[in-house]
C-alpha cells in the first residue's frame, strides 16, 4: 500500500524495440528486497561507536549525548529511554546541519565539515532509524541497475557511497551480460561534493582506470548539450526530497527533474544485450506520507522532517506517492515503483518491525 510507506525507490528502463516503449523490469526485484526490513532493535550506538568511519562524528558529539548513547537503550528494555535518545540524537544532528547551512556559501551548501559526517548521519543514523531504510537495500538497487552500464551519470553525488561499493559482478539474474563501467560523470550543484566524491572513488582500485568527469550543473536547468543522450544509466538517489518546492520557470520541480534526467539517456542501446536498455533509477523520502502517519513514523522522524523543510535542507513536506508516480509516468510512461512499508514503532510488548 503506497500510503504505508515513506521511502520510494524507482527504476525505469528503455526497451529498445521498434516503438522504443518503456517498461519496468526491476519492479519484482525491488519489491522482493525492499518490502522486508530488519526490526529496529537497538539505538545507533553500535553504528556510531564500532565503526571507524564515524570517528569525525564522535569528535563533535556533545558529551552528554555521547554518554547517553553509550548506554545503548533498546526499545524492548526501555522504550521511553529509547525514544528520548533518538530524539536527542536527531536534535543534535539537525542543529549541526542547520549551523553548517547558515555558514555555507550559496556555491557550497555542503561544507567539508558536513561531508565529513554525511555517511554517518544520513546512512547510518537517519536512514535506518528515522526513515527505516537499510543501506544494503539501496546498494542492491545500484548493483542491479548498473550491471550492464558502460557510461553512467550520477546526479546529486553525496559522498559517492554506493558507487564506491559497487560490486564487480551482479548478484542477481536480471542480467547475465555484465561488463565494467568505463565512463563516469558526476553532476552536482556543489563543487565540494563533487571533489569529495571524486577523491573517494579515486582511492578505490575499481576506479583507477575509469575516467571520472565532474559537471557543475543544476538538474532543474536544461543539462549541458554535450551530456545529452550520452549515458546507459542515470541515478538520482536521495535527490527529489532535496528539491526546492518552487523554482523559477518550473510548474512541477519533480517532473522537470525527471525530464532532464531522461534527456541524458542514450536513444539507442549500447549494452551488450540489445534487449536491455538505458536505466534511470533512484529513491526518495515522501514527506506527506510521513505526516499522514505520524504515530507510525515516530516523533524523531517527524521533527527531523519539519526541521529540514524549515531550514531548506529538504523540500518534500508535501511530496506524496502520487506526486512521484505521476511525474515518472508523465516522462517515462511506465515506471517501476516499489514502496517499502514502514513498520510500527518497536514497543516492548510488540514484535512488529
Protein backbone atom coordinates (compact mmCIF):
# COMPACT_ATOMS: atom_id res chain seq x y z
CA UNK A 1 0.00 0.00 0.00
CA UNK A 2 1.55 3.32 -1.05
CA UNK A 3 0.10 5.06 2.00
CA UNK A 4 2.08 2.83 4.35
CA UNK A 5 5.47 3.93 3.04
CA UNK A 6 7.69 6.99 3.16
CA UNK A 7 10.64 5.52 1.24
CA UNK A 8 10.15 5.27 -2.50
CA UNK A 9 12.69 3.64 -4.83
CA UNK A 10 12.07 3.90 -8.56
CA UNK A 11 13.56 2.38 -11.69
CA UNK A 12 12.67 2.64 -15.36
CA UNK A 13 14.26 1.01 -18.38
CA UNK A 14 14.05 1.83 -22.07
CA UNK A 15 13.16 -1.18 -24.16
CA UNK A 16 14.87 -0.66 -27.49
CA UNK A 17 12.19 -2.07 -29.77
CA UNK A 18 10.62 -0.58 -32.87
CA UNK A 19 8.30 1.50 -30.71
CA UNK A 20 11.01 2.33 -28.13
CA UNK A 21 8.43 1.86 -25.40
CA UNK A 22 9.25 1.90 -21.71
CA UNK A 23 8.83 -0.95 -19.31
CA UNK A 24 9.65 -1.83 -15.73
CA UNK A 25 11.86 -4.92 -15.47
CA UNK A 26 13.10 -4.18 -11.96
CA UNK A 27 9.77 -3.96 -10.16
CA UNK A 28 9.69 -7.60 -8.94
CA UNK A 29 13.33 -7.37 -7.89
CA UNK A 30 12.79 -4.14 -5.96
CA UNK A 31 9.58 -5.30 -4.33
CA UNK A 32 11.14 -8.56 -3.19
CA UNK A 33 14.03 -6.80 -1.46
CA UNK A 34 12.53 -3.53 -0.31
CA UNK A 35 9.31 -4.61 1.38
CA UNK A 36 11.11 -6.64 4.07
CA UNK A 37 13.10 -4.80 6.72
CA UNK A 38 15.06 -5.92 9.71
CA UNK A 39 13.46 -4.91 13.03
CA UNK A 40 14.83 -1.81 14.69
CA UNK A 41 16.02 -3.34 17.96
CA UNK A 42 18.76 -1.06 19.26
CA UNK A 43 19.90 2.52 19.26
CA UNK A 44 22.58 3.50 16.71
CA UNK A 45 25.29 3.48 19.37
CA UNK A 46 26.79 0.38 17.81
CA UNK A 47 26.77 2.13 14.45
CA UNK A 48 28.48 5.18 15.90
CA UNK A 49 30.96 3.57 18.26
CA UNK A 50 32.01 0.41 16.43
CA UNK A 51 32.56 1.93 13.01
CA UNK A 52 35.87 3.81 12.49
CA UNK A 53 34.24 5.76 9.66
CA UNK A 54 32.22 7.64 12.30
CA UNK A 55 35.27 8.97 14.13
CA UNK A 56 34.72 12.56 12.97
CA UNK A 57 31.07 12.48 14.04
CA UNK A 58 32.02 11.26 17.51
CA UNK A 59 34.56 14.06 17.94
CA UNK A 60 31.89 16.73 17.62
CA UNK A 61 29.16 14.91 19.56
CA UNK A 62 28.17 16.62 22.86
CA UNK A 63 29.47 14.74 25.91
CA UNK A 64 26.03 14.25 27.47
CA UNK A 65 24.67 12.70 24.27
CA UNK A 66 27.81 10.59 23.97
CA UNK A 67 27.18 9.19 27.46
CA UNK A 68 23.51 8.56 26.75
CA UNK A 69 24.25 6.62 23.58
CA UNK A 70 26.92 4.54 25.29
CA UNK A 71 24.20 3.07 27.49
CA UNK A 72 22.60 1.76 24.28
CA UNK A 73 18.95 1.65 25.42
CA UNK A 74 16.80 -0.78 23.46
CA UNK A 75 13.08 -0.44 22.69
CA UNK A 76 12.45 -3.82 24.28
CA UNK A 77 14.07 -2.91 27.60
CA UNK A 78 13.11 0.75 27.93
CA UNK A 79 11.04 2.16 25.09
CA UNK A 80 10.76 5.64 26.64
CA UNK A 81 14.54 5.99 27.04
CA UNK A 82 15.00 4.66 23.51
CA UNK A 83 12.66 7.30 22.03
CA UNK A 84 14.28 10.06 24.11
CA UNK A 85 17.73 9.05 22.90
CA UNK A 86 16.54 9.00 19.29
CA UNK A 87 15.07 12.48 19.67
CA UNK A 88 18.23 13.79 21.36
CA UNK A 89 20.44 12.40 18.59
CA UNK A 90 18.15 13.87 15.95
CA UNK A 91 18.12 17.29 17.61
CA UNK A 92 21.90 17.37 17.74
CA UNK A 93 22.29 16.35 14.10
CA UNK A 94 19.55 18.74 12.95
CA UNK A 95 21.17 21.64 14.77
CA UNK A 96 24.56 20.75 13.32
CA UNK A 97 23.16 20.63 9.78
CA UNK A 98 21.36 23.97 10.29
CA UNK A 99 24.58 25.58 11.56
CA UNK A 100 26.50 24.32 8.55
CA UNK A 101 23.84 25.55 6.13
CA UNK A 102 23.95 29.01 7.73
CA UNK A 103 27.74 29.32 7.43
CA UNK A 104 27.92 27.85 3.93
CA UNK A 105 28.03 29.91 0.77
CA UNK A 106 25.43 29.51 -1.97
CA UNK A 107 28.09 27.77 -4.07
CA UNK A 108 28.99 25.28 -1.34
CA UNK A 109 25.99 24.48 0.86
CA UNK A 110 27.65 21.14 1.64
CA UNK A 111 30.62 22.19 3.72
CA UNK A 112 33.66 19.99 4.26
CA UNK A 113 32.59 19.55 7.89
CA UNK A 114 29.13 18.38 6.84
CA UNK A 115 30.52 15.98 4.23
CA UNK A 116 32.87 14.53 6.86
CA UNK A 117 29.92 13.13 8.82
CA UNK A 118 27.45 12.77 5.92
CA UNK A 119 27.55 8.97 5.70
CA UNK A 120 27.29 8.56 9.47
CA UNK A 121 24.39 10.99 9.64
CA UNK A 122 22.44 10.05 6.51
CA UNK A 123 23.09 6.35 6.03
CA UNK A 124 23.99 5.07 9.50
CA UNK A 125 21.53 7.13 11.52
CA UNK A 126 18.76 8.99 9.65
CA UNK A 127 18.03 6.29 7.10
CA UNK A 128 17.81 3.18 9.31
CA UNK A 129 16.46 4.83 12.47
CA UNK A 130 14.21 7.61 11.15
CA UNK A 131 13.25 6.68 7.58
CA UNK A 132 13.83 2.96 8.29
CA UNK A 133 15.82 2.22 5.17
CA UNK A 134 18.77 -0.13 5.19
CA UNK A 135 21.85 0.96 3.27
CA UNK A 136 22.06 -2.52 1.78
CA UNK A 137 18.68 -2.07 0.12
CA UNK A 138 19.86 0.91 -1.89
CA UNK A 139 23.18 -0.79 -2.69
CA UNK A 140 21.31 -3.73 -4.21
CA UNK A 141 19.46 -1.33 -6.49
CA UNK A 142 22.76 0.21 -7.65
CA UNK A 143 24.28 -3.21 -8.26
CA UNK A 144 21.31 -4.31 -10.34
CA UNK A 145 20.75 -1.12 -12.33
CA UNK A 146 24.44 -0.69 -13.17
CA UNK A 147 25.03 -4.34 -14.02
CA UNK A 148 25.30 -3.67 -17.77
CA UNK A 149 26.04 0.05 -17.84
CA UNK A 150 29.14 1.26 -19.61
CA UNK A 151 28.54 5.00 -19.20
CA UNK A 152 26.88 6.26 -16.01
CA UNK A 153 25.83 9.70 -14.76
CA UNK A 154 25.40 10.22 -11.02
CA UNK A 155 23.28 13.26 -10.13
CA UNK A 156 23.47 14.77 -6.63
CA UNK A 157 26.52 12.73 -5.72
CA UNK A 158 26.63 12.92 -1.91
CA UNK A 159 29.88 11.24 -0.92
CA UNK A 160 29.82 8.55 -3.61
CA UNK A 161 29.00 5.87 -1.05
CA UNK A 162 27.09 3.49 -3.33
CA UNK A 163 29.37 3.93 -6.32
CA UNK A 164 32.36 3.18 -4.09
CA UNK A 165 30.80 -0.12 -3.02
CA UNK A 166 29.56 -1.13 -6.46
CA UNK A 167 30.10 -4.82 -6.98
CA UNK A 168 32.24 -6.03 -9.83
CA UNK A 169 29.76 -8.81 -10.57
CA UNK A 170 25.95 -8.57 -10.33
CA UNK A 171 24.30 -10.65 -7.63
CA UNK A 172 21.03 -11.10 -9.48
CA UNK A 173 19.95 -12.95 -12.58
CA UNK A 174 18.35 -9.84 -14.07
CA UNK A 175 21.29 -9.53 -16.40
CA UNK A 176 23.86 -12.13 -17.38
CA UNK A 177 25.80 -9.67 -19.53
CA UNK A 178 27.99 -7.72 -17.15
CA UNK A 179 30.89 -5.54 -18.17
CA UNK A 180 32.80 -3.00 -16.13
CA UNK A 181 31.88 0.64 -16.11
CA UNK A 182 34.17 2.58 -18.44
CA UNK A 183 32.87 6.17 -18.20
CA UNK A 184 31.53 8.02 -15.17
CA UNK A 185 30.19 11.57 -14.91
CA UNK A 186 29.41 13.18 -11.55
CA UNK A 187 26.89 16.03 -11.67
CA UNK A 188 26.10 18.31 -8.74
CA UNK A 189 25.45 21.91 -7.73
CA UNK A 190 28.16 21.73 -5.09
CA UNK A 191 31.85 21.75 -6.02
CA UNK A 192 32.75 20.49 -2.53
CA UNK A 193 30.55 17.42 -3.01
CA UNK A 194 31.94 16.75 -6.50
CA UNK A 195 35.51 16.94 -5.29
CA UNK A 196 34.88 14.79 -2.21
CA UNK A 197 33.10 12.13 -4.28
CA UNK A 198 35.82 12.07 -6.93
CA UNK A 199 38.53 11.77 -4.24
CA UNK A 200 36.72 8.85 -2.62
CA UNK A 201 36.30 6.96 -5.89
CA UNK A 202 39.89 7.51 -6.98
CA UNK A 203 41.03 5.89 -3.73
CA UNK A 204 39.32 2.69 -4.88
CA UNK A 205 41.10 0.23 -7.15
CA UNK A 206 37.84 -0.22 -9.09
CA UNK A 207 38.04 3.33 -10.47
CA UNK A 208 41.78 3.61 -11.15
CA UNK A 209 41.31 3.20 -14.91
CA UNK A 210 37.89 4.82 -15.29
CA UNK A 211 37.73 8.45 -16.45
CA UNK A 212 35.71 10.47 -13.93
CA UNK A 213 34.34 13.74 -15.25
CA UNK A 214 32.93 16.46 -12.98
CA UNK A 215 29.99 18.55 -14.13
CA UNK A 216 28.85 21.53 -12.07
CA UNK A 217 25.18 21.83 -13.01
CA UNK A 218 21.67 22.27 -11.68
CA UNK A 219 19.33 19.46 -12.73
CA UNK A 220 16.41 21.92 -12.64
CA UNK A 221 18.06 23.64 -15.61
CA UNK A 222 18.47 22.06 -19.03
CA UNK A 223 21.51 19.73 -18.94
CA UNK A 224 24.60 20.83 -20.90
CA UNK A 225 24.22 19.86 -24.58
CA UNK A 226 27.38 17.74 -24.62
CA UNK A 227 25.89 15.40 -21.98
CA UNK A 228 22.53 14.77 -23.59
CA UNK A 229 21.80 11.25 -24.82
CA UNK A 230 25.19 10.08 -23.56
CA UNK A 231 24.55 7.54 -20.81
CA UNK A 232 23.43 3.96 -20.35
CA UNK A 233 22.34 4.76 -16.80
CA UNK A 234 21.43 7.82 -14.75
CA UNK A 235 20.92 7.82 -10.98
CA UNK A 236 19.10 10.45 -8.92
CA UNK A 237 19.28 8.94 -5.47
CA UNK A 238 18.07 10.96 -2.46
CA UNK A 239 17.72 13.96 -4.76
CA UNK A 240 13.98 14.53 -5.15
CA UNK A 241 13.26 15.23 -1.48
CA UNK A 242 16.03 17.88 -1.53
CA UNK A 243 14.46 19.82 -4.42
CA UNK A 244 13.04 23.25 -3.55
CA UNK A 245 9.22 23.34 -3.52
CA UNK A 246 9.32 26.06 -6.18
CA UNK A 247 11.84 27.05 -8.81
CA UNK A 248 11.61 29.89 -11.37
CA UNK A 249 10.14 28.73 -14.65
CA UNK A 250 9.10 25.32 -13.31
CA UNK A 251 5.50 24.41 -12.54
CA UNK A 252 6.49 20.98 -11.23
CA UNK A 253 10.06 20.51 -9.98
CA UNK A 254 9.78 16.71 -9.79
CA UNK A 255 8.56 16.44 -13.38
CA UNK A 256 11.26 18.85 -14.56
CA UNK A 257 13.95 16.83 -12.80
CA UNK A 258 12.80 13.55 -14.33
CA UNK A 259 12.52 15.13 -17.79
CA UNK A 260 16.07 16.45 -17.60
CA UNK A 261 17.36 13.10 -16.34
CA UNK A 262 15.63 11.33 -19.24
CA UNK A 263 17.37 13.64 -21.72
CA UNK A 264 20.73 12.26 -20.57
CA UNK A 265 19.89 8.65 -21.52
CA UNK A 266 21.10 7.19 -24.81
CA UNK A 267 18.43 6.96 -27.53
CA UNK A 268 19.84 3.65 -28.81
CA UNK A 269 21.02 0.56 -26.99
CA UNK A 270 24.69 0.38 -26.11
CA UNK A 271 24.65 -2.54 -23.74
CA UNK A 272 25.78 -5.99 -24.89
CA UNK A 273 22.27 -7.40 -24.69
CA UNK A 274 20.14 -5.32 -27.05
CA UNK A 275 17.02 -6.26 -25.07
CA UNK A 276 18.32 -4.31 -22.13
CA UNK A 277 18.01 -0.56 -22.31
CA UNK A 278 19.21 2.55 -20.55
CA UNK A 279 18.29 2.81 -16.89
CA UNK A 280 17.06 5.68 -14.73
CA UNK A 281 16.81 4.92 -11.03
CA UNK A 282 16.95 6.37 -7.54
CA UNK A 283 14.96 6.75 -4.34
CA UNK A 284 13.36 9.50 -2.28
CA UNK A 285 11.67 10.24 1.06
CA UNK A 286 7.96 11.10 0.85
CA UNK A 287 7.25 13.82 3.39
CA UNK A 288 3.48 13.77 3.04
CA UNK A 289 3.36 10.04 3.72
CA UNK A 290 5.30 10.57 6.97
CA UNK A 291 2.99 13.38 8.08
CA UNK A 292 -0.09 11.31 7.26
CA UNK A 293 1.17 8.50 9.51
CA UNK A 294 2.87 10.32 12.39
CA UNK A 295 2.19 7.65 15.01
CA UNK A 296 3.92 5.06 12.88
CA UNK A 297 6.71 7.44 11.85
CA UNK A 298 7.65 8.44 15.37
CA UNK A 299 8.43 11.86 16.86
CA UNK A 300 12.13 11.91 15.91
CA UNK A 301 11.35 11.33 12.22
CA UNK A 302 8.63 13.99 12.18
CA UNK A 303 10.82 16.53 13.97
CA UNK A 304 13.68 15.95 11.54
CA UNK A 305 11.37 16.17 8.53
CA UNK A 306 9.92 19.50 9.70
CA UNK A 307 13.33 20.91 10.73
CA UNK A 308 14.87 20.02 7.38
CA UNK A 309 11.98 21.56 5.45
CA UNK A 310 12.11 24.71 7.58
CA UNK A 311 15.86 25.08 7.03
CA UNK A 312 15.75 24.33 3.31
CA UNK A 313 17.63 21.03 3.54
CA UNK A 314 14.54 19.17 2.29
CA UNK A 315 11.65 20.44 0.19
CA UNK A 316 9.44 17.37 0.47
CA UNK A 317 6.86 18.25 3.11
CA UNK A 318 4.08 17.89 0.52
CA UNK A 319 5.58 15.06 -1.57
CA UNK A 320 3.21 12.12 -1.90
CA UNK A 321 3.45 8.75 -3.59
CA UNK A 322 1.13 10.05 -6.30
CA UNK A 323 3.37 13.08 -7.00
CA UNK A 324 6.39 10.94 -7.81
CA UNK A 325 4.38 8.28 -9.61
CA UNK A 326 2.64 10.80 -11.86
CA UNK A 327 5.87 12.61 -12.67
CA UNK A 328 7.61 9.35 -13.57
CA UNK A 329 4.72 8.18 -15.69
CA UNK A 330 4.43 11.51 -17.50
CA UNK A 331 8.06 11.29 -18.58
CA UNK A 332 8.67 7.56 -18.89
CA UNK A 333 5.13 6.25 -19.49
CA UNK A 334 5.78 3.20 -17.31
CA UNK A 335 7.97 3.42 -14.23
CA UNK A 336 8.67 0.78 -11.60
CA UNK A 337 7.73 1.98 -8.15
CA UNK A 338 8.49 -0.19 -5.16
CA UNK A 339 7.37 1.14 -1.80
CA UNK A 340 8.91 -0.12 1.40
CA UNK A 341 6.17 -0.27 4.07
CA UNK A 342 7.12 1.38 7.33
CA UNK A 343 6.93 -0.71 10.47
CA UNK A 344 5.21 0.42 13.63
CA UNK A 345 7.36 1.79 16.47
CA UNK A 346 9.01 -1.10 18.23
CA UNK A 347 7.24 -1.26 21.62
CA UNK A 348 8.47 -3.71 24.24
CA UNK A 349 5.25 -5.68 24.12
CA UNK A 350 5.27 -5.90 20.34
CA UNK A 351 7.47 -7.84 17.94
CA UNK A 352 6.40 -5.87 14.88
CA UNK A 353 9.25 -4.36 12.89
